[in-house]
């Protein structure tokens, strides 16, 4: 599955070690150690909802998810 970051970069989730909702961001850590902010939100609840959206679509094939 592919995901578009806030900087319009496309990340392949096959290369992701961890994806998490921090204070007001959804972030992912890649296997090479880089941490990308996928999207910033005004509240932690909205970040958690976006993370749920990503996780619910994970097994639906190769496509780009935009938040």
N, C-alpha and C. Protein backbone atom coordinates (compact mmCIF):
# COMPACT_ATOMS: atom_id res chain seq x y z
N UNK A 1 0.84 -1.17 0.00
CA UNK A 1 0.00 0.00 0.00
C UNK A 1 0.89 1.23 0.00
N UNK A 2 0.44 2.25 -0.66
CA UNK A 2 1.17 3.50 -0.75
C UNK A 2 0.42 4.58 0.01
N UNK A 3 1.17 5.51 0.59
CA UNK A 3 0.55 6.61 1.31
C UNK A 3 1.26 7.91 0.95
N UNK A 4 0.49 8.98 0.80
CA UNK A 4 1.05 10.28 0.43
C UNK A 4 1.25 11.11 1.70
N UNK A 5 2.46 11.64 1.88
CA UNK A 5 2.76 12.47 3.04
C UNK A 5 2.27 13.89 2.81
N UNK A 6 2.36 14.71 3.85
CA UNK A 6 1.91 16.10 3.73
C UNK A 6 2.77 16.88 2.74
N UNK A 7 4.00 16.41 2.47
CA UNK A 7 4.88 17.04 1.50
C UNK A 7 4.72 16.45 0.11
N UNK A 8 3.65 15.67 -0.09
CA UNK A 8 3.30 15.04 -1.36
C UNK A 8 4.33 14.01 -1.81
N UNK A 9 5.03 13.40 -0.85
CA UNK A 9 5.90 12.27 -1.14
C UNK A 9 5.08 10.99 -0.98
N UNK A 10 5.41 10.00 -1.79
CA UNK A 10 4.71 8.72 -1.72
C UNK A 10 5.62 7.72 -1.00
N UNK A 11 5.07 7.09 0.04
CA UNK A 11 5.81 6.08 0.79
C UNK A 11 5.15 4.73 0.59
N UNK A 12 5.97 3.71 0.41
CA UNK A 12 5.47 2.34 0.32
C UNK A 12 5.49 1.76 1.73
N UNK A 13 4.33 1.33 2.22
CA UNK A 13 4.26 0.84 3.60
C UNK A 13 4.97 -0.50 3.78
N UNK A 14 5.45 -1.12 2.70
CA UNK A 14 6.28 -2.31 2.84
C UNK A 14 7.63 -1.96 3.48
N UNK A 15 8.04 -0.69 3.40
CA UNK A 15 9.32 -0.24 3.95
C UNK A 15 9.18 0.41 5.32
N UNK A 16 8.01 0.32 5.93
CA UNK A 16 7.74 1.00 7.20
C UNK A 16 7.89 0.03 8.36
N UNK A 17 8.66 0.45 9.37
CA UNK A 17 8.78 -0.34 10.60
C UNK A 17 7.62 -0.06 11.55
N UNK A 18 7.25 1.21 11.67
CA UNK A 18 6.23 1.59 12.64
C UNK A 18 5.43 2.78 12.10
N UNK A 19 4.15 2.76 12.35
CA UNK A 19 3.31 3.90 12.03
C UNK A 19 2.53 4.22 13.29
N UNK A 20 2.47 5.51 13.65
CA UNK A 20 1.88 5.88 14.93
C UNK A 20 1.22 7.25 14.87
N UNK A 21 0.32 7.49 15.80
CA UNK A 21 -0.28 8.79 16.00
C UNK A 21 0.40 9.40 17.22
N UNK A 22 1.20 10.44 16.99
CA UNK A 22 1.83 11.14 18.11
C UNK A 22 0.90 12.26 18.56
N UNK A 23 1.40 13.26 19.24
CA UNK A 23 0.55 14.32 19.79
C UNK A 23 -0.50 14.81 18.79
N UNK A 24 -0.06 15.37 17.67
CA UNK A 24 -1.00 15.89 16.67
C UNK A 24 -0.59 15.49 15.26
N UNK A 25 0.23 14.45 15.14
CA UNK A 25 0.73 14.00 13.84
C UNK A 25 0.53 12.50 13.68
N UNK A 26 0.42 12.09 12.43
CA UNK A 26 0.54 10.67 12.09
C UNK A 26 1.92 10.54 11.46
N UNK A 27 2.76 9.71 12.06
CA UNK A 27 4.16 9.56 11.63
C UNK A 27 4.45 8.11 11.30
N UNK A 28 5.46 7.91 10.47
CA UNK A 28 5.94 6.56 10.22
C UNK A 28 7.46 6.56 10.25
N UNK A 29 8.01 5.47 10.74
CA UNK A 29 9.46 5.28 10.76
C UNK A 29 9.81 4.22 9.73
N UNK A 30 10.71 4.57 8.84
CA UNK A 30 11.13 3.64 7.78
C UNK A 30 12.25 2.74 8.27
N UNK A 31 12.53 1.71 7.52
CA UNK A 31 13.59 0.76 7.88
C UNK A 31 14.96 1.41 7.91
N UNK A 32 15.15 2.51 7.17
CA UNK A 32 16.45 3.18 7.16
C UNK A 32 16.58 4.20 8.29
N UNK A 33 15.58 4.28 9.18
CA UNK A 33 15.67 5.15 10.34
C UNK A 33 15.02 6.51 10.19
N UNK A 34 14.64 6.88 8.99
CA UNK A 34 13.98 8.17 8.80
C UNK A 34 12.57 8.15 9.36
N UNK A 35 12.15 9.28 9.93
CA UNK A 35 10.79 9.43 10.42
C UNK A 35 10.10 10.49 9.57
N UNK A 36 9.00 10.11 8.97
CA UNK A 36 8.22 11.02 8.13
C UNK A 36 6.94 11.38 8.85
N UNK A 37 6.56 12.64 8.78
CA UNK A 37 5.24 13.07 9.22
C UNK A 37 4.31 12.93 8.03
N UNK A 38 3.34 12.05 8.16
CA UNK A 38 2.40 11.82 7.07
C UNK A 38 1.42 12.99 6.99
N UNK A 39 0.89 13.39 8.13
CA UNK A 39 -0.07 14.49 8.16
C UNK A 39 -0.12 15.07 9.57
N UNK A 40 -0.35 16.37 9.66
CA UNK A 40 -0.52 17.06 10.94
C UNK A 40 -1.99 17.38 11.13
N UNK A 41 -2.43 17.34 12.38
CA UNK A 41 -3.82 17.60 12.72
C UNK A 41 -3.89 18.55 13.90
N UNK A 42 -5.07 19.09 14.15
CA UNK A 42 -5.23 20.03 15.26
C UNK A 42 -5.39 19.33 16.61
N UNK A 43 -5.87 18.09 16.59
CA UNK A 43 -6.06 17.36 17.85
C UNK A 43 -5.50 15.95 17.73
N UNK A 44 -5.23 15.36 18.87
CA UNK A 44 -4.74 13.98 18.91
C UNK A 44 -5.84 13.02 18.42
N UNK A 45 -7.08 13.33 18.72
CA UNK A 45 -8.20 12.47 18.29
C UNK A 45 -8.27 12.39 16.77
N UNK A 46 -8.09 13.50 16.08
CA UNK A 46 -8.11 13.49 14.61
C UNK A 46 -6.94 12.70 14.05
N UNK A 47 -5.79 12.78 14.71
CA UNK A 47 -4.62 11.99 14.29
C UNK A 47 -4.91 10.50 14.47
N UNK A 48 -5.54 10.12 15.58
CA UNK A 48 -5.90 8.72 15.80
C UNK A 48 -6.90 8.24 14.76
N UNK A 49 -7.87 9.08 14.42
CA UNK A 49 -8.86 8.71 13.39
C UNK A 49 -8.19 8.49 12.03
N UNK A 50 -7.21 9.32 11.70
CA UNK A 50 -6.49 9.16 10.44
C UNK A 50 -5.67 7.86 10.45
N UNK A 51 -5.07 7.55 11.58
CA UNK A 51 -4.31 6.30 11.70
C UNK A 51 -5.26 5.11 11.53
N UNK A 52 -6.44 5.17 12.11
CA UNK A 52 -7.43 4.11 11.93
C UNK A 52 -7.82 3.96 10.46
N UNK A 53 -7.96 5.08 9.76
CA UNK A 53 -8.29 5.04 8.33
C UNK A 53 -7.21 4.30 7.55
N UNK A 54 -5.94 4.58 7.87
CA UNK A 54 -4.83 3.91 7.20
C UNK A 54 -4.86 2.41 7.50
N UNK A 55 -5.02 2.07 8.75
CA UNK A 55 -4.98 0.66 9.15
C UNK A 55 -6.17 -0.13 8.59
N UNK A 56 -7.33 0.51 8.48
CA UNK A 56 -8.50 -0.16 7.93
C UNK A 56 -8.38 -0.43 6.44
N UNK A 57 -7.57 0.33 5.75
CA UNK A 57 -7.40 0.16 4.31
C UNK A 57 -6.14 -0.63 3.95
N UNK A 58 -5.40 -1.10 4.93
CA UNK A 58 -4.10 -1.70 4.69
C UNK A 58 -4.16 -2.91 3.77
N UNK A 59 -5.14 -3.78 3.93
CA UNK A 59 -5.18 -5.02 3.15
C UNK A 59 -5.98 -4.90 1.85
N UNK A 60 -6.21 -3.72 1.36
CA UNK A 60 -7.04 -3.53 0.18
C UNK A 60 -6.25 -3.35 -1.11
N UNK A 61 -4.98 -3.74 -1.15
CA UNK A 61 -4.22 -3.69 -2.38
C UNK A 61 -3.36 -2.45 -2.54
N UNK A 62 -2.65 -2.39 -3.65
CA UNK A 62 -1.74 -1.27 -3.93
C UNK A 62 -2.52 -0.08 -4.42
N UNK A 63 -2.62 0.92 -3.62
CA UNK A 63 -3.23 2.18 -4.00
C UNK A 63 -2.70 3.26 -3.10
N UNK A 64 -2.91 4.51 -3.47
CA UNK A 64 -2.42 5.64 -2.70
C UNK A 64 -3.53 6.13 -1.78
N UNK A 65 -3.21 6.26 -0.51
CA UNK A 65 -4.15 6.79 0.47
C UNK A 65 -3.78 8.24 0.74
N UNK A 66 -4.75 9.13 0.63
CA UNK A 66 -4.57 10.54 1.00
C UNK A 66 -5.42 10.81 2.21
N UNK A 67 -4.91 11.57 3.15
CA UNK A 67 -5.69 11.91 4.35
C UNK A 67 -6.26 13.29 4.26
